[in-house]
């Protein structure tokens, strides 16, 4: 059982579950409800494998970095509970299963997006983390893909609805990650990760990124109504959620304190599922 727990830890269950849930919401929104339960099940199974694969391969590639941070030193690889080659094989097999399942049971477009997500995440985002804070917007691209993949699994196309979902997911990630960065900036820097901008007052500073992306997020959340994938009731909920989330973002950006960053992080965790549920329940 202990070995099973180690492999389970490799999959980062909470993050994988969030990605799977986001893809399910995207499917529901794209389909306008539960029109094809079998296709949704195939998508969720494939996304579970994809999320678990990327999490395992992430930990394989960053095992030396994880060993330098107290928050991650207890993970299976830096702690020596699993051999790195086992994580590599585990992740590679899951990735192959996910891609094959999407191709055979969903559609080619969603399969292509899955491959693009893996390449961007493993081949671009992770190598950039020790080099430049621009890794954050690069990483936000694969981070935004689960909802889009759910949408394309239901519709088979990239259109205005997919673009709006991508924009919402992309913009949400910056205040979410900046809150995490504020909480663990010391650990990141000691491990050699340049994920947070140097302290400055310019437009690339943490406060400005939080404020601008939060404002852009609020605007983006209104567009599902205009492109026809959600109704007016959703828009009213989005405005309310945006006002509350914006207040937490403003507090974290202006105050810059750790308690404010923690509140922003918790608000971001609540905000996104609430928004997607509201959209799914009021699909156009």
C-alpha atoms as a PDB file:
ATOM      1  CA  UNK A   1       0.000   0.000   0.000  1.00  0.00           C
ATOM      2  CA  UNK A   2       2.886   2.380   0.682  1.00  0.00           C
ATOM      3  CA  UNK A   3       4.104   1.985  -2.908  1.00  0.00           C
ATOM      4  CA  UNK A   4       0.607   2.782  -4.156  1.00  0.00           C
ATOM      5  CA  UNK A   5       0.593   5.968  -2.061  1.00  0.00           C
ATOM      6  CA  UNK A   6       3.911   7.023  -3.564  1.00  0.00           C
ATOM      7  CA  UNK A   7       2.636   6.560  -7.109  1.00  0.00           C
ATOM      8  CA  UNK A   8      -0.564   8.369  -6.181  1.00  0.00           C
ATOM      9  CA  UNK A   9       1.510  11.272  -4.850  1.00  0.00           C
ATOM     10  CA  UNK A  10       3.284  11.439  -8.209  1.00  0.00           C
ATOM     11  CA  UNK A  11      -0.043  12.272  -9.856  1.00  0.00           C
ATOM     12  CA  UNK A  12      -0.678  15.348  -7.644  1.00  0.00           C
ATOM     13  CA  UNK A  13      -4.291  14.240  -7.117  1.00  0.00           C
ATOM     14  CA  UNK A  14      -5.744  17.652  -6.236  1.00  0.00           C
ATOM     15  CA  UNK A  15      -4.259  19.403  -9.264  1.00  0.00           C
ATOM     16  CA  UNK A  16      -5.199  16.517 -11.542  1.00  0.00           C
ATOM     17  CA  UNK A  17      -8.748  16.558 -10.179  1.00  0.00           C
ATOM     18  CA  UNK A  18      -8.998  20.292 -10.869  1.00  0.00           C
ATOM     19  CA  UNK A  19      -7.876  19.778 -14.468  1.00  0.00           C
ATOM     20  CA  UNK A  20     -10.316  16.906 -14.966  1.00  0.00           C
ATOM     21  CA  UNK A  21     -13.175  18.932 -13.485  1.00  0.00           C
ATOM     22  CA  UNK A  22     -12.268  21.905 -15.704  1.00  0.00           C
ATOM     23  CA  UNK A  23     -12.351  19.679 -18.795  1.00  0.00           C
ATOM     24  CA  UNK A  24     -15.721  18.310 -17.735  1.00  0.00           C
ATOM     25  CA  UNK A  25     -17.075  21.830 -17.346  1.00  0.00           C
ATOM     26  CA  UNK A  26     -15.741  22.719 -20.788  1.00  0.00           C
ATOM     27  CA  UNK A  27     -17.462  19.672 -22.283  1.00  0.00           C
ATOM     28  CA  UNK A  28     -20.770  20.528 -20.600  1.00  0.00           C
ATOM     29  CA  UNK A  29     -20.556  24.134 -21.794  1.00  0.00           C
ATOM     30  CA  UNK A  30     -19.664  23.122 -25.332  1.00  0.00           C
ATOM     31  CA  UNK A  31     -22.420  20.538 -25.531  1.00  0.00           C
ATOM     32  CA  UNK A  32     -25.010  22.775 -23.889  1.00  0.00           C
ATOM     33  CA  UNK A  33     -25.634  20.171 -21.203  1.00  0.00           C
ATOM     34  CA  UNK A  34     -25.159  16.442 -20.828  1.00  0.00           C
ATOM     35  CA  UNK A  35     -25.902  15.361 -24.379  1.00  0.00           C
ATOM     36  CA  UNK A  36     -23.450  12.457 -24.650  1.00  0.00           C
ATOM     37  CA  UNK A  37     -22.523  10.789 -21.375  1.00  0.00           C
ATOM     38  CA  UNK A  38     -20.271   8.195 -23.016  1.00  0.00           C
ATOM     39  CA  UNK A  39     -18.112  10.839 -24.722  1.00  0.00           C
ATOM     40  CA  UNK A  40     -17.854  12.774 -21.465  1.00  0.00           C
ATOM     41  CA  UNK A  41     -16.711   9.638 -19.643  1.00  0.00           C
ATOM     42  CA  UNK A  42     -14.045   8.960 -22.279  1.00  0.00           C
ATOM     43  CA  UNK A  43     -12.829  12.537 -21.953  1.00  0.00           C
ATOM     44  CA  UNK A  44     -12.640  12.404 -18.162  1.00  0.00           C
ATOM     45  CA  UNK A  45     -10.731   9.113 -18.214  1.00  0.00           C
ATOM     46  CA  UNK A  46      -8.240  10.447 -20.751  1.00  0.00           C
ATOM     47  CA  UNK A  47      -7.826  13.737 -18.878  1.00  0.00           C
ATOM     48  CA  UNK A  48      -7.184  11.860 -15.646  1.00  0.00           C
ATOM     49  CA  UNK A  49      -4.354   9.987 -17.360  1.00  0.00           C
ATOM     50  CA  UNK A  50      -3.040  13.181 -18.964  1.00  0.00           C
ATOM     51  CA  UNK A  51      -3.058  15.180 -15.740  1.00  0.00           C
ATOM     52  CA  UNK A  52      -1.424  12.341 -13.801  1.00  0.00           C
ATOM     53  CA  UNK A  53       1.199  11.869 -16.530  1.00  0.00           C
ATOM     54  CA  UNK A  54       2.221  15.519 -16.607  1.00  0.00           C
ATOM     55  CA  UNK A  55       2.369  15.657 -12.819  1.00  0.00           C
ATOM     56  CA  UNK A  56       4.616  12.587 -12.673  1.00  0.00           C
ATOM     57  CA  UNK A  57       6.899  13.816 -15.457  1.00  0.00           C
ATOM     58  CA  UNK A  58       7.044  17.229 -13.762  1.00  0.00           C
ATOM     59  CA  UNK A  59       8.288  15.614 -10.579  1.00  0.00           C
ATOM     60  CA  UNK A  60      10.799  13.539 -12.537  1.00  0.00           C
ATOM     61  CA  UNK A  61      12.232  16.601 -14.279  1.00  0.00           C
ATOM     62  CA  UNK A  62      12.220  18.783 -11.156  1.00  0.00           C
ATOM     63  CA  UNK A  63      13.292  16.205  -8.581  1.00  0.00           C
ATOM     64  CA  UNK A  64      16.551  18.052  -7.786  1.00  0.00           C
ATOM     65  CA  UNK A  65      14.718  21.355  -7.410  1.00  0.00           C
ATOM     66  CA  UNK A  66      12.047  19.756  -5.211  1.00  0.00           C
ATOM     67  CA  UNK A  67      14.791  18.452  -2.913  1.00  0.00           C
ATOM     68  CA  UNK A  68      15.838  22.049  -2.156  1.00  0.00           C
ATOM     69  CA  UNK A  69      12.432  23.286  -0.993  1.00  0.00           C
ATOM     70  CA  UNK A  70      10.901  22.259   2.367  1.00  0.00           C
ATOM     71  CA  UNK A  71       7.414  22.304   0.824  1.00  0.00           C
ATOM     72  CA  UNK A  72       8.346  19.626  -1.774  1.00  0.00           C
ATOM     73  CA  UNK A  73      11.279  17.767  -0.233  1.00  0.00           C
ATOM     74  CA  UNK A  74       8.977  15.022   1.039  1.00  0.00           C
ATOM     75  CA  UNK A  75       7.732  14.086  -2.431  1.00  0.00           C
ATOM     76  CA  UNK A  76       8.464  10.501  -3.551  1.00  0.00           C
ATOM     77  CA  UNK A  77      11.515  11.267  -5.705  1.00  0.00           C
ATOM     78  CA  UNK A  78      13.550  13.753  -3.618  1.00  0.00           C
ATOM     79  CA  UNK A  79      12.827  11.698  -0.488  1.00  0.00           C
ATOM     80  CA  UNK A  80      14.064   8.518  -2.176  1.00  0.00           C
ATOM     81  CA  UNK A  81      10.776   6.653  -1.776  1.00  0.00           C
ATOM     82  CA  UNK A  82      10.652   5.953  -5.526  1.00  0.00           C
ATOM     83  CA  UNK A  83      13.420   5.623  -8.088  1.00  0.00           C
ATOM     84  CA  UNK A  84      13.379   8.364 -10.768  1.00  0.00           C
ATOM     85  CA  UNK A  85      13.222   5.836 -13.610  1.00  0.00           C
ATOM     86  CA  UNK A  86       9.977   4.443 -12.193  1.00  0.00           C
ATOM     87  CA  UNK A  87       8.418   7.916 -12.249  1.00  0.00           C
ATOM     88  CA  UNK A  88       9.630   8.424 -15.821  1.00  0.00           C
ATOM     89  CA  UNK A  89       8.132   5.143 -17.034  1.00  0.00           C
ATOM     90  CA  UNK A  90       4.931   5.710 -15.070  1.00  0.00           C
ATOM     91  CA  UNK A  91       4.458   9.184 -16.543  1.00  0.00           C
ATOM     92  CA  UNK A  92       5.361   8.152 -20.084  1.00  0.00           C
ATOM     93  CA  UNK A  93       2.935   5.216 -20.068  1.00  0.00           C
ATOM     94  CA  UNK A  94       0.101   7.363 -18.725  1.00  0.00           C
ATOM     95  CA  UNK A  95       0.803  10.016 -21.355  1.00  0.00           C
ATOM     96  CA  UNK A  96       0.693   7.422 -24.136  1.00  0.00           C
ATOM     97  CA  UNK A  97      -2.589   6.023 -22.779  1.00  0.00           C
ATOM     98  CA  UNK A  98      -4.122   9.507 -22.576  1.00  0.00           C
ATOM     99  CA  UNK A  99      -3.158  10.440 -26.134  1.00  0.00           C
ATOM    100  CA  UNK A 100      -4.288   7.094 -27.567  1.00  0.00           C
ATOM    101  CA  UNK A 101      -7.598   7.249 -25.713  1.00  0.00           C
ATOM    102  CA  UNK A 102      -8.312  10.786 -26.903  1.00  0.00           C
ATOM    103  CA  UNK A 103      -7.496   9.861 -30.492  1.00  0.00           C
ATOM    104  CA  UNK A 104      -9.557   6.676 -30.533  1.00  0.00           C
ATOM    105  CA  UNK A 105     -12.513   7.724 -28.377  1.00  0.00           C
ATOM    106  CA  UNK A 106     -12.779  11.533 -28.604  1.00  0.00           C
ATOM    107  CA  UNK A 107     -11.429  13.385 -31.660  1.00  0.00           C
ATOM    108  CA  UNK A 108      -8.265  14.440 -33.427  1.00  0.00           C
ATOM    109  CA  UNK A 109      -8.434  18.120 -32.448  1.00  0.00           C
ATOM    110  CA  UNK A 110      -8.573  17.341 -28.734  1.00  0.00           C
ATOM    111  CA  UNK A 111      -5.712  14.873 -29.188  1.00  0.00           C
ATOM    112  CA  UNK A 112      -3.620  17.576 -30.862  1.00  0.00           C
ATOM    113  CA  UNK A 113      -4.362  19.987 -28.007  1.00  0.00           C
ATOM    114  CA  UNK A 114      -3.275  17.336 -25.502  1.00  0.00           C
ATOM    115  CA  UNK A 115       0.041  16.866 -27.294  1.00  0.00           C
ATOM    116  CA  UNK A 116       0.536  20.629 -27.511  1.00  0.00           C
ATOM    117  CA  UNK A 117      -0.205  20.920 -23.804  1.00  0.00           C
ATOM    118  CA  UNK A 118       2.402  18.290 -22.954  1.00  0.00           C
ATOM    119  CA  UNK A 119       5.054  19.910 -25.157  1.00  0.00           C
ATOM    120  CA  UNK A 120       4.439  23.413 -23.813  1.00  0.00           C
ATOM    121  CA  UNK A 121       4.322  22.280 -20.199  1.00  0.00           C
ATOM    122  CA  UNK A 122       7.270  19.890 -20.188  1.00  0.00           C
ATOM    123  CA  UNK A 123       9.369  21.390 -22.967  1.00  0.00           C
ATOM    124  CA  UNK A 124       8.828  25.130 -22.470  1.00  0.00           C
ATOM    125  CA  UNK A 125       7.400  26.034 -19.060  1.00  0.00           C
ATOM    126  CA  UNK A 126       9.577  23.793 -16.889  1.00  0.00           C
ATOM    127  CA  UNK A 127      12.895  24.693 -18.594  1.00  0.00           C
ATOM    128  CA  UNK A 128      12.048  28.406 -18.319  1.00  0.00           C
ATOM    129  CA  UNK A 129      11.380  28.361 -14.568  1.00  0.00           C
ATOM    130  CA  UNK A 130      15.080  28.670 -13.586  1.00  0.00           C
ATOM    131  CA  UNK A 131      15.668  31.308 -16.281  1.00  0.00           C
ATOM    132  CA  UNK A 132      12.949  33.931 -16.408  1.00  0.00           C
ATOM    133  CA  UNK A 133       9.704  35.060 -14.750  1.00  0.00           C
ATOM    134  CA  UNK A 134       8.156  34.925 -18.226  1.00  0.00           C
ATOM    135  CA  UNK A 135       7.703  31.228 -17.498  1.00  0.00           C
ATOM    136  CA  UNK A 136       4.435  32.183 -15.771  1.00  0.00           C
ATOM    137  CA  UNK A 137       2.547  33.386 -18.884  1.00  0.00           C
ATOM    138  CA  UNK A 138       4.104  30.544 -20.874  1.00  0.00           C
ATOM    139  CA  UNK A 139       2.881  28.052 -18.283  1.00  0.00           C
ATOM    140  CA  UNK A 140      -0.543  29.664 -18.271  1.00  0.00           C
ATOM    141  CA  UNK A 141      -1.088  28.431 -21.843  1.00  0.00           C
ATOM    142  CA  UNK A 142      -1.050  24.674 -21.044  1.00  0.00           C
ATOM    143  CA  UNK A 143      -2.760  25.526 -17.766  1.00  0.00           C
ATOM    144  CA  UNK A 144      -5.683  26.977 -19.702  1.00  0.00           C
ATOM    145  CA  UNK A 145      -6.083  23.985 -22.003  1.00  0.00           C
ATOM    146  CA  UNK A 146      -8.190  21.501 -19.973  1.00  0.00           C
ATOM    147  CA  UNK A 147     -11.374  23.575 -20.301  1.00  0.00           C
ATOM    148  CA  UNK A 148     -10.680  24.186 -23.987  1.00  0.00           C
ATOM    149  CA  UNK A 149     -10.060  20.473 -24.533  1.00  0.00           C
ATOM    150  CA  UNK A 150     -13.371  19.690 -22.886  1.00  0.00           C
ATOM    151  CA  UNK A 151     -15.051  22.190 -25.185  1.00  0.00           C
ATOM    152  CA  UNK A 152     -13.435  20.750 -28.327  1.00  0.00           C
ATOM    153  CA  UNK A 153     -14.279  17.219 -27.192  1.00  0.00           C
ATOM    154  CA  UNK A 154     -17.942  18.239 -27.270  1.00  0.00           C
ATOM    155  CA  UNK A 155     -17.918  20.445 -30.372  1.00  0.00           C
ATOM    156  CA  UNK A 156     -14.994  19.246 -32.474  1.00  0.00           C
ATOM    157  CA  UNK A 157     -13.962  22.830 -33.264  1.00  0.00           C
ATOM    158  CA  UNK A 158     -12.099  25.885 -32.051  1.00  0.00           C
ATOM    159  CA  UNK A 159     -14.400  28.900 -32.157  1.00  0.00           C
ATOM    160  CA  UNK A 160     -15.310  32.017 -30.174  1.00  0.00           C
ATOM    161  CA  UNK A 161     -16.549  29.919 -27.269  1.00  0.00           C
ATOM    162  CA  UNK A 162     -13.223  28.096 -27.013  1.00  0.00           C
ATOM    163  CA  UNK A 163     -11.347  31.412 -27.234  1.00  0.00           C
ATOM    164  CA  UNK A 164     -13.378  32.898 -24.382  1.00  0.00           C
ATOM    165  CA  UNK A 165     -12.821  29.861 -22.166  1.00  0.00           C
ATOM    166  CA  UNK A 166      -9.095  30.003 -22.920  1.00  0.00           C
ATOM    167  CA  UNK A 167      -8.946  33.713 -22.044  1.00  0.00           C
ATOM    168  CA  UNK A 168     -10.714  33.179 -18.722  1.00  0.00           C
ATOM    169  CA  UNK A 169      -8.447  30.305 -17.709  1.00  0.00           C
ATOM    170  CA  UNK A 170      -5.308  32.106 -18.895  1.00  0.00           C
ATOM    171  CA  UNK A 171      -6.041  35.338 -17.027  1.00  0.00           C
ATOM    172  CA  UNK A 172      -7.133  33.568 -13.845  1.00  0.00           C
ATOM    173  CA  UNK A 173      -3.767  31.873 -13.475  1.00  0.00           C
ATOM    174  CA  UNK A 174      -1.667  35.011 -12.995  1.00  0.00           C
ATOM    175  CA  UNK A 175      -3.271  36.321  -9.781  1.00  0.00           C
ATOM    176  CA  UNK A 176      -3.602  32.716  -8.589  1.00  0.00           C
ATOM    177  CA  UNK A 177       0.082  31.960  -9.149  1.00  0.00           C
ATOM    178  CA  UNK A 178       1.312  35.347  -7.967  1.00  0.00           C
ATOM    179  CA  UNK A 179      -0.452  34.695  -4.672  1.00  0.00           C
ATOM    180  CA  UNK A 180       1.400  31.379  -4.396  1.00  0.00           C
ATOM    181  CA  UNK A 181       4.644  33.097  -5.394  1.00  0.00           C
ATOM    182  CA  UNK A 182       4.241  35.722  -2.690  1.00  0.00           C
ATOM    183  CA  UNK A 183       3.777  32.966  -0.113  1.00  0.00           C
ATOM    184  CA  UNK A 184       6.754  30.872  -1.228  1.00  0.00           C
ATOM    185  CA  UNK A 185       9.033  33.402  -2.903  1.00  0.00           C
ATOM    186  CA  UNK A 186      11.918  32.624  -0.547  1.00  0.00           C
ATOM    187  CA  UNK A 187      11.762  28.901  -1.287  1.00  0.00           C
ATOM    188  CA  UNK A 188      11.578  29.484  -5.034  1.00  0.00           C
ATOM    189  CA  UNK A 189      14.592  31.780  -5.034  1.00  0.00           C
ATOM    190  CA  UNK A 190      16.670  29.512  -2.802  1.00  0.00           C
ATOM    191  CA  UNK A 191      15.980  26.647  -5.218  1.00  0.00           C
ATOM    192  CA  UNK A 192      17.048  28.772  -8.186  1.00  0.00           C
ATOM    193  CA  UNK A 193      13.592  29.247  -9.694  1.00  0.00           C
ATOM    194  CA  UNK A 194      12.971  32.680 -11.222  1.00  0.00           C
ATOM    195  CA  UNK A 195       9.212  32.448 -11.263  1.00  0.00           C
ATOM    196  CA  UNK A 196       8.627  35.794  -9.530  1.00  0.00           C
ATOM    197  CA  UNK A 197       9.649  39.152 -11.056  1.00  0.00           C
ATOM    198  CA  UNK A 198      12.388  41.158  -9.390  1.00  0.00           C
ATOM    199  CA  UNK A 199      10.995  43.833  -7.122  1.00  0.00           C
ATOM    200  CA  UNK A 200      10.148  46.836  -9.286  1.00  0.00           C
ATOM    201  CA  UNK A 201       7.433  49.399  -9.884  1.00  0.00           C
ATOM    202  CA  UNK A 202       7.024  48.771 -13.599  1.00  0.00           C
ATOM    203  CA  UNK A 203       4.179  47.049 -15.482  1.00  0.00           C
ATOM    204  CA  UNK A 204       5.834  43.650 -15.003  1.00  0.00           C
ATOM    205  CA  UNK A 205       5.838  43.957 -11.201  1.00  0.00           C
ATOM    206  CA  UNK A 206       3.745  41.607  -9.094  1.00  0.00           C
ATOM    207  CA  UNK A 207       1.139  44.223  -8.047  1.00  0.00           C
ATOM    208  CA  UNK A 208       0.566  45.371 -11.627  1.00  0.00           C
ATOM    209  CA  UNK A 209       0.316  41.816 -12.944  1.00  0.00           C
ATOM    210  CA  UNK A 210      -2.249  40.943 -10.286  1.00  0.00           C
ATOM    211  CA  UNK A 211      -4.314  44.080 -10.924  1.00  0.00           C
ATOM    212  CA  UNK A 212      -4.210  44.031 -14.725  1.00  0.00           C
ATOM    213  CA  UNK A 213      -4.919  40.312 -15.067  1.00  0.00           C
ATOM    214  CA  UNK A 214      -7.707  40.473 -12.485  1.00  0.00           C
ATOM    215  CA  UNK A 215      -9.321  43.342 -14.373  1.00  0.00           C
ATOM    216  CA  UNK A 216      -8.894  41.486 -17.672  1.00  0.00           C
ATOM    217  CA  UNK A 217     -10.381  38.385 -16.062  1.00  0.00           C
ATOM    218  CA  UNK A 218     -13.511  40.246 -14.951  1.00  0.00           C
ATOM    219  CA  UNK A 219     -13.991  41.596 -18.472  1.00  0.00           C
ATOM    220  CA  UNK A 220     -13.362  38.188 -20.062  1.00  0.00           C
ATOM    221  CA  UNK A 221     -15.942  36.505 -17.826  1.00  0.00           C
ATOM    222  CA  UNK A 222     -18.672  38.697 -19.336  1.00  0.00           C
ATOM    223  CA  UNK A 223     -18.050  37.481 -22.884  1.00  0.00           C
ATOM    224  CA  UNK A 224     -19.604  33.992 -22.609  1.00  0.00           C
ATOM    225  CA  UNK A 225     -22.991  35.699 -22.637  1.00  0.00           C
ATOM    226  CA  UNK A 226     -22.133  37.681 -25.758  1.00  0.00           C
ATOM    227  CA  UNK A 227     -20.835  34.679 -27.706  1.00  0.00           C
ATOM    228  CA  UNK A 228     -23.859  32.605 -26.735  1.00  0.00           C
ATOM    229  CA  UNK A 229     -22.387  29.897 -24.508  1.00  0.00           C
ATOM    230  CA  UNK A 230     -24.031  31.247 -21.331  1.00  0.00           C
ATOM    231  CA  UNK A 231     -27.033  33.357 -20.401  1.00  0.00           C
ATOM    232  CA  UNK A 232     -27.758  36.559 -18.515  1.00  0.00           C
ATOM    233  CA  UNK A 233     -28.072  34.805 -15.162  1.00  0.00           C
ATOM    234  CA  UNK A 234     -24.511  33.584 -15.548  1.00  0.00           C
ATOM    235  CA  UNK A 235     -23.342  37.125 -16.317  1.00  0.00           C
ATOM    236  CA  UNK A 236     -24.876  38.438 -13.098  1.00  0.00           C
ATOM    237  CA  UNK A 237     -23.111  35.713 -11.112  1.00  0.00           C
ATOM    238  CA  UNK A 238     -19.856  36.459 -12.955  1.00  0.00           C
ATOM    239  CA  UNK A 239     -20.108  40.142 -12.069  1.00  0.00           C
ATOM    240  CA  UNK A 240     -20.691  39.334  -8.409  1.00  0.00           C
ATOM    241  CA  UNK A 241     -17.823  36.844  -8.270  1.00  0.00           C
ATOM    242  CA  UNK A 242     -15.600  39.278 -10.142  1.00  0.00           C
ATOM    243  CA  UNK A 243     -16.297  42.082  -7.687  1.00  0.00           C
ATOM    244  CA  UNK A 244     -15.425  39.859  -4.721  1.00  0.00           C
ATOM    245  CA  UNK A 245     -12.348  38.378  -6.377  1.00  0.00           C
ATOM    246  CA  UNK A 246     -11.218  41.836  -7.478  1.00  0.00           C
ATOM    247  CA  UNK A 247     -11.381  43.052  -3.893  1.00  0.00           C
ATOM    248  CA  UNK A 248      -9.038  40.286  -2.747  1.00  0.00           C
ATOM    249  CA  UNK A 249      -6.720  40.948  -5.701  1.00  0.00           C
ATOM    250  CA  UNK A 250      -6.607  44.670  -4.906  1.00  0.00           C
ATOM    251  CA  UNK A 251      -5.807  43.951  -1.261  1.00  0.00           C
ATOM    252  CA  UNK A 252      -2.943  41.594  -2.178  1.00  0.00           C
ATOM    253  CA  UNK A 253      -1.550  43.928  -4.848  1.00  0.00           C
ATOM    254  CA  UNK A 254      -1.645  47.090  -2.757  1.00  0.00           C
ATOM    255  CA  UNK A 255      -0.887  45.614   0.653  1.00  0.00           C
ATOM    256  CA  UNK A 256       1.618  42.986  -0.446  1.00  0.00           C
ATOM    257  CA  UNK A 257       1.333  41.102   2.849  1.00  0.00           C
ATOM    258  CA  UNK A 258       1.429  37.346   3.277  1.00  0.00           C
ATOM    259  CA  UNK A 259      -2.050  37.181   4.871  1.00  0.00           C
ATOM    260  CA  UNK A 260      -3.465  39.128   1.901  1.00  0.00           C
ATOM    261  CA  UNK A 261      -1.686  36.775  -0.515  1.00  0.00           C
ATOM    262  CA  UNK A 262      -3.136  33.789   1.300  1.00  0.00           C
ATOM    263  CA  UNK A 263      -6.626  35.247   1.108  1.00  0.00           C
ATOM    264  CA  UNK A 264      -6.184  35.883  -2.628  1.00  0.00           C
ATOM    265  CA  UNK A 265      -5.028  32.303  -3.141  1.00  0.00           C
ATOM    266  CA  UNK A 266      -8.049  30.903  -1.292  1.00  0.00           C
ATOM    267  CA  UNK A 267     -10.367  33.272  -3.154  1.00  0.00           C
ATOM    268  CA  UNK A 268      -8.938  32.116  -6.486  1.00  0.00           C
ATOM    269  CA  UNK A 269      -9.540  28.467  -5.541  1.00  0.00           C
ATOM    270  CA  UNK A 270     -13.193  29.227  -4.794  1.00  0.00           C
ATOM    271  CA  UNK A 271     -13.701  31.650  -7.688  1.00  0.00           C
ATOM    272  CA  UNK A 272     -12.901  29.435 -10.659  1.00  0.00           C
ATOM    273  CA  UNK A 273     -15.115  26.420  -9.834  1.00  0.00           C
ATOM    274  CA  UNK A 274     -17.965  28.756  -8.888  1.00  0.00           C
ATOM    275  CA  UNK A 275     -17.642  30.594 -12.192  1.00  0.00           C
ATOM    276  CA  UNK A 276     -17.525  27.415 -14.302  1.00  0.00           C
ATOM    277  CA  UNK A 277     -20.468  25.879 -12.459  1.00  0.00           C
ATOM    278  CA  UNK A 278     -22.502  29.052 -13.005  1.00  0.00           C
ATOM    279  CA  UNK A 279     -21.621  28.978 -16.704  1.00  0.00           C
ATOM    280  CA  UNK A 280     -22.456  25.284 -17.036  1.00  0.00           C
ATOM    281  CA  UNK A 281     -25.820  25.737 -15.322  1.00  0.00           C
ATOM    282  CA  UNK A 282     -26.772  28.626 -17.588  1.00  0.00           C
ATOM    283  CA  UNK A 283     -25.468  27.429 -20.935  1.00  0.00           C
ATOM    284  CA  UNK A 284     -26.892  29.231 -23.926  1.00  0.00           C
END
